[in-house]
Each structure stands twice: as structure tokens, then as C-alpha cells.
Amino acid sequence: MFKESDSTKIRRVVRDVVEGPERLVFGSETVTFREACIASWKFDGVSRKSNWFVKDD
């Protein structure tokens, strides 16, 4: 079923290479991607305070 997306939010799907599942990260247009990740941290196998990075495939 199609659901209209909110264009005021930025979304990105990120796969957790430690645990495997994909996670949806979102935030407003005024935050950086890092800030959005930290605000809704969903990566149990990765410390929020570590030197993590996002790699595009």
C-alpha cells in the first residue's frame, strides 16, 4: 500500500554490518546525517560514541 511521504523529513536506509538488519534513519532538513543517526540510534552492536561511518555501496 502506497503511503505519502513527508517531504520535510530526510530518510535513509542504513544496513548495520554488525547485526545485519536495515535501519531507517530520519531527521529534519536542519540536522546533519550524523545528528539524525545519534538522535534515533538503532544500532545495538555499535557504540553511539565510537568512530562509526557510513559507506555507500
PDB file of N, CA and C in Angstrom:
ATOM      1  N   MET A   1       0.841  -1.183   0.000  1.00  0.00           N
ATOM      2  CA  MET A   1       0.000   0.000   0.000  1.00  0.00           C
ATOM      3  C   MET A   1       0.890   1.253   0.000  1.00  0.00           C
ATOM      4  N   PHE A   2       0.631   2.166  -0.902  1.00  0.00           N
ATOM      5  CA  PHE A   2       1.407   3.402  -1.008  1.00  0.00           C
ATOM      6  C   PHE A   2       1.038   4.347   0.126  1.00  0.00           C
ATOM      7  N   LYS A   3       2.045   4.945   0.729  1.00  0.00           N
ATOM      8  CA  LYS A   3       1.828   5.937   1.777  1.00  0.00           C
ATOM      9  C   LYS A   3       2.607   7.190   1.409  1.00  0.00           C
ATOM     10  N   GLU A   4       1.947   8.313   1.386  1.00  0.00           N
ATOM     11  CA  GLU A   4       2.576   9.590   1.048  1.00  0.00           C
ATOM     12  C   GLU A   4       3.693   9.884   2.051  1.00  0.00           C
ATOM     13  N   SER A   5       4.864  10.263   1.562  1.00  0.00           N
ATOM     14  CA  SER A   5       5.962  10.571   2.471  1.00  0.00           C
ATOM     15  C   SER A   5       5.970  12.055   2.825  1.00  0.00           C
ATOM     16  N   ASP A   6       6.521  12.338   3.956  1.00  0.00           N
ATOM     17  CA  ASP A   6       6.628  13.711   4.457  1.00  0.00           C
ATOM     18  C   ASP A   6       7.896  14.330   3.891  1.00  0.00           C
ATOM     19  N   SER A   7       7.757  15.301   3.006  1.00  0.00           N
ATOM     20  CA  SER A   7       8.918  15.886   2.339  1.00  0.00           C
ATOM     21  C   SER A   7       9.736  16.797   3.257  1.00  0.00           C
ATOM     22  N   THR A   8       9.265  17.052   4.481  1.00  0.00           N
ATOM     23  CA  THR A   8      10.041  17.855   5.421  1.00  0.00           C
ATOM     24  C   THR A   8      11.034  17.004   6.201  1.00  0.00           C
ATOM     25  N   LYS A   9      10.996  15.691   6.008  1.00  0.00           N
ATOM     26  CA  LYS A   9      11.908  14.775   6.684  1.00  0.00           C
ATOM     27  C   LYS A   9      12.857  14.157   5.673  1.00  0.00           C
ATOM     28  N   ILE A  10      14.079  13.946   6.091  1.00  0.00           N
ATOM     29  CA  ILE A  10      15.070  13.259   5.261  1.00  0.00           C
ATOM     30  C   ILE A  10      15.157  11.823   5.773  1.00  0.00           C
ATOM     31  N   ARG A  11      15.103  10.864   4.864  1.00  0.00           N
ATOM     32  CA  ARG A  11      15.169   9.454   5.254  1.00  0.00           C
ATOM     33  C   ARG A  11      16.276   8.752   4.494  1.00  0.00           C
ATOM     34  N   ARG A  12      16.861   7.779   5.158  1.00  0.00           N
ATOM     35  CA  ARG A  12      17.868   6.963   4.504  1.00  0.00           C
ATOM     36  C   ARG A  12      17.866   5.589   5.159  1.00  0.00           C
ATOM     37  N   VAL A  13      18.013   4.575   4.346  1.00  0.00           N
ATOM     38  CA  VAL A  13      18.091   3.217   4.870  1.00  0.00           C
ATOM     39  C   VAL A  13      19.562   2.872   5.029  1.00  0.00           C
ATOM     40  N   VAL A  14      19.925   2.397   6.218  1.00  0.00           N
ATOM     41  CA  VAL A  14      21.295   2.034   6.527  1.00  0.00           C
ATOM     42  C   VAL A  14      21.299   0.593   7.026  1.00  0.00           C
ATOM     43  N   ARG A  15      22.230  -0.209   6.508  1.00  0.00           N
ATOM     44  CA  ARG A  15      22.338  -1.595   6.964  1.00  0.00           C
ATOM     45  C   ARG A  15      23.436  -1.682   8.008  1.00  0.00           C
ATOM     46  N   ASP A  16      23.092  -2.262   9.126  1.00  0.00           N
ATOM     47  CA  ASP A  16      24.036  -2.460  10.222  1.00  0.00           C
ATOM     48  C   ASP A  16      24.905  -3.671   9.895  1.00  0.00           C
ATOM     49  N   VAL A  17      26.187  -3.459   9.586  1.00  0.00           N
ATOM     50  CA  VAL A  17      27.061  -4.567   9.189  1.00  0.00           C
ATOM     51  C   VAL A  17      27.416  -5.479  10.360  1.00  0.00           C
ATOM     52  N   VAL A  18      27.219  -5.028  11.589  1.00  0.00           N
ATOM     53  CA  VAL A  18      27.486  -5.860  12.754  1.00  0.00           C
ATOM     54  C   VAL A  18      26.340  -6.840  12.978  1.00  0.00           C
ATOM     55  N   GLU A  19      25.110  -6.341  12.923  1.00  0.00           N
ATOM     56  CA  GLU A  19      23.952  -7.172  13.228  1.00  0.00           C
ATOM     57  C   GLU A  19      23.157  -7.563  11.990  1.00  0.00           C
ATOM     58  N   GLY A  20      23.341  -6.866  10.872  1.00  0.00           N
ATOM     59  CA  GLY A  20      22.735  -7.263   9.617  1.00  0.00           C
ATOM     60  C   GLY A  20      21.474  -6.563   9.155  1.00  0.00           C
ATOM     61  N   PRO A  21      20.512  -6.239  10.021  1.00  0.00           N
ATOM     62  CA  PRO A  21      19.259  -5.681   9.513  1.00  0.00           C
ATOM     63  C   PRO A  21      19.401  -4.245   9.006  1.00  0.00           C
ATOM     64  N   GLU A  22      18.480  -3.868   8.135  1.00  0.00           N
ATOM     65  CA  GLU A  22      18.447  -2.490   7.656  1.00  0.00           C
ATOM     66  C   GLU A  22      17.694  -1.637   8.663  1.00  0.00           C
ATOM     67  N   ARG A  23      18.136  -0.417   8.811  1.00  0.00           N
ATOM     68  CA  ARG A  23      17.517   0.523   9.753  1.00  0.00           C
ATOM     69  C   ARG A  23      17.146   1.789   8.997  1.00  0.00           C
ATOM     70  N   LEU A  24      16.035   2.368   9.353  1.00  0.00           N
ATOM     71  CA  LEU A  24      15.602   3.620   8.752  1.00  0.00           C
ATOM     72  C   LEU A  24      16.054   4.760   9.645  1.00  0.00           C
ATOM     73  N   VAL A  25      16.812   5.694   9.075  1.00  0.00           N
ATOM     74  CA  VAL A  25      17.291   6.865   9.801  1.00  0.00           C
ATOM     75  C   VAL A  25      16.590   8.068   9.189  1.00  0.00           C
ATOM     76  N   PHE A  26      16.060   8.931  10.040  1.00  0.00           N
ATOM     77  CA  PHE A  26      15.352  10.095   9.515  1.00  0.00           C
ATOM     78  C   PHE A  26      15.608  11.312  10.388  1.00  0.00           C
ATOM     79  N   GLY A  27      15.428  12.469   9.815  1.00  0.00           N
ATOM     80  CA  GLY A  27      15.599  13.720  10.539  1.00  0.00           C
ATOM     81  C   GLY A  27      15.112  14.880   9.694  1.00  0.00           C
ATOM     82  N   SER A  28      15.050  16.036  10.303  1.00  0.00           N
ATOM     83  CA  SER A  28      14.599  17.223   9.572  1.00  0.00           C
ATOM     84  C   SER A  28      15.705  17.733   8.665  1.00  0.00           C
ATOM     85  N   GLU A  29      15.362  18.639   7.820  1.00  0.00           N
ATOM     86  CA  GLU A  29      16.342  19.189   6.870  1.00  0.00           C
ATOM     87  C   GLU A  29      17.391  20.053   7.560  1.00  0.00           C
ATOM     88  N   THR A  30      17.214  20.347   8.841  1.00  0.00           N
ATOM     89  CA  THR A  30      18.153  21.217   9.551  1.00  0.00           C
ATOM     90  C   THR A  30      19.206  20.447  10.337  1.00  0.00           C
ATOM     91  N   VAL A  31      19.159  19.112  10.328  1.00  0.00           N
ATOM     92  CA  VAL A  31      20.149  18.332  11.065  1.00  0.00           C
ATOM     93  C   VAL A  31      21.062  17.602  10.090  1.00  0.00           C
ATOM     94  N   THR A  32      22.282  17.311  10.544  1.00  0.00           N
ATOM     95  CA  THR A  32      23.199  16.524   9.721  1.00  0.00           C
ATOM     96  C   THR A  32      22.792  15.057   9.800  1.00  0.00           C
ATOM     97  N   PHE A  33      23.321  14.255   8.898  1.00  0.00           N
ATOM     98  CA  PHE A  33      23.021  12.828   8.927  1.00  0.00           C
ATOM     99  C   PHE A  33      23.524  12.217  10.228  1.00  0.00           C
ATOM    100  N   ARG A  34      24.696  12.619  10.678  1.00  0.00           N
ATOM    101  CA  ARG A  34      25.240  12.107  11.952  1.00  0.00           C
ATOM    102  C   ARG A  34      24.308  12.442  13.110  1.00  0.00           C
ATOM    103  N   GLU A  35      23.819  13.670  13.166  1.00  0.00           N
ATOM    104  CA  GLU A  35      22.892  14.071  14.228  1.00  0.00           C
ATOM    105  C   GLU A  35      21.607  13.243  14.184  1.00  0.00           C
ATOM    106  N   ALA A  36      21.112  12.974  12.987  1.00  0.00           N
ATOM    107  CA  ALA A  36      19.897  12.156  12.845  1.00  0.00           C
ATOM    108  C   ALA A  36      20.149  10.730  13.319  1.00  0.00           C
ATOM    109  N   CYS A  37      21.296  10.180  12.990  1.00  0.00           N
ATOM    110  CA  CYS A  37      21.635   8.816  13.445  1.00  0.00           C
ATOM    111  C   CYS A  37      21.697   8.759  14.967  1.00  0.00           C
ATOM    112  N   ILE A  38      22.370   9.708  15.561  1.00  0.00           N
ATOM    113  CA  ILE A  38      22.537   9.712  17.014  1.00  0.00           C
ATOM    114  C   ILE A  38      21.203   9.919  17.721  1.00  0.00           C
ATOM    115  N   ALA A  39      20.359  10.774  17.179  1.00  0.00           N
ATOM    116  CA  ALA A  39      19.065  11.055  17.805  1.00  0.00           C
ATOM    117  C   ALA A  39      18.153   9.834  17.848  1.00  0.00           C
ATOM    118  N   SER A  40      18.252   8.968  16.859  1.00  0.00           N
ATOM    119  CA  SER A  40      17.396   7.771  16.840  1.00  0.00           C
ATOM    120  C   SER A  40      18.257   6.524  16.673  1.00  0.00           C
ATOM    121  N   TRP A  41      19.234   6.367  17.542  1.00  0.00           N
ATOM    122  CA  TRP A  41      20.212   5.282  17.442  1.00  0.00           C
ATOM    123  C   TRP A  41      19.540   3.922  17.531  1.00  0.00           C
ATOM    124  N   LYS A  42      19.746   3.091  16.516  1.00  0.00           N
ATOM    125  CA  LYS A  42      19.107   1.781  16.450  1.00  0.00           C
ATOM    126  C   LYS A  42      20.127   0.671  16.237  1.00  0.00           C
ATOM    127  N   PHE A  43      21.386   0.957  16.471  1.00  0.00           N
ATOM    128  CA  PHE A  43      22.450   0.000  16.190  1.00  0.00           C
ATOM    129  C   PHE A  43      23.025  -0.534  17.499  1.00  0.00           C
ATOM    130  N   ASP A  44      22.415  -1.582  18.022  1.00  0.00           N
ATOM    131  CA  ASP A  44      22.804  -2.121  19.325  1.00  0.00           C
ATOM    132  C   ASP A  44      24.246  -2.603  19.359  1.00  0.00           C
ATOM    133  N   GLY A  45      24.771  -3.081  18.246  1.00  0.00           N
ATOM    134  CA  GLY A  45      26.118  -3.619  18.210  1.00  0.00           C
ATOM    135  C   GLY A  45      27.200  -2.575  17.988  1.00  0.00           C
ATOM    136  N   VAL A  46      26.828  -1.316  17.866  1.00  0.00           N
ATOM    137  CA  VAL A  46      27.783  -0.238  17.600  1.00  0.00           C
ATOM    138  C   VAL A  46      27.584   0.853  18.646  1.00  0.00           C
ATOM    139  N   SER A  47      28.661   1.253  19.287  1.00  0.00           N
ATOM    140  CA  SER A  47      28.569   2.317  20.284  1.00  0.00           C
ATOM    141  C   SER A  47      28.273   3.652  19.603  1.00  0.00           C
ATOM    142  N   ARG A  48      27.318   4.354  20.120  1.00  0.00           N
ATOM    143  CA  ARG A  48      26.948   5.678  19.595  1.00  0.00           C
ATOM    144  C   ARG A  48      28.134   6.633  19.624  1.00  0.00           C
ATOM    145  N   LYS A  49      29.027   6.452  20.584  1.00  0.00           N
ATOM    146  CA  LYS A  49      30.177   7.355  20.757  1.00  0.00           C
ATOM    147  C   LYS A  49      31.420   6.908  20.001  1.00  0.00           C
ATOM    148  N   SER A  50      31.343   5.782  19.305  1.00  0.00           N
ATOM    149  CA  SER A  50      32.514   5.291  18.574  1.00  0.00           C
ATOM    150  C   SER A  50      32.724   6.083  17.282  1.00  0.00           C
ATOM    151  N   ASN A  51      33.807   5.809  16.596  1.00  0.00           N
ATOM    152  CA  ASN A  51      34.107   6.460  15.319  1.00  0.00           C
ATOM    153  C   ASN A  51      33.466   5.691  14.168  1.00  0.00           C
ATOM    154  N   TRP A  52      32.147   5.598  14.176  1.00  0.00           N
ATOM    155  CA  TRP A  52      31.418   4.878  13.133  1.00  0.00           C
ATOM    156  C   TRP A  52      31.352   5.726  11.865  1.00  0.00           C
ATOM    157  N   PHE A  53      31.074   5.083  10.750  1.00  0.00           N
ATOM    158  CA  PHE A  53      30.943   5.791   9.485  1.00  0.00           C
ATOM    159  C   PHE A  53      29.925   5.073   8.611  1.00  0.00           C
ATOM    160  N   VAL A  54      29.458   5.770   7.598  1.00  0.00           N
ATOM    161  CA  VAL A  54      28.515   5.217   6.636  1.00  0.00           C
ATOM    162  C   VAL A  54      29.254   5.029   5.332  1.00  0.00           C
ATOM    163  N   LYS A  55      29.148   3.840   4.758  1.00  0.00           N
ATOM    164  CA  LYS A  55      29.805   3.537   3.490  1.00  0.00           C
ATOM    165  C   LYS A  55      28.712   3.277   2.452  1.00  0.00           C
ATOM    166  N   ASP A  56      28.750   4.009   1.365  1.00  0.00           N
ATOM    167  CA  ASP A  56      27.808   3.791   0.266  1.00  0.00           C
ATOM    168  C   ASP A  56      28.267   2.628  -0.579  1.00  0.00           C
ATOM    169  N   ASP A  57      27.328   1.768  -0.937  1.00  0.00           N
ATOM    170  CA  ASP A  57      27.645   0.657  -1.830  1.00  0.00           C
ATOM    171  C   ASP A  57      27.461   1.055  -3.273  1.00  0.00           C
TER     172      ASP A  57
END
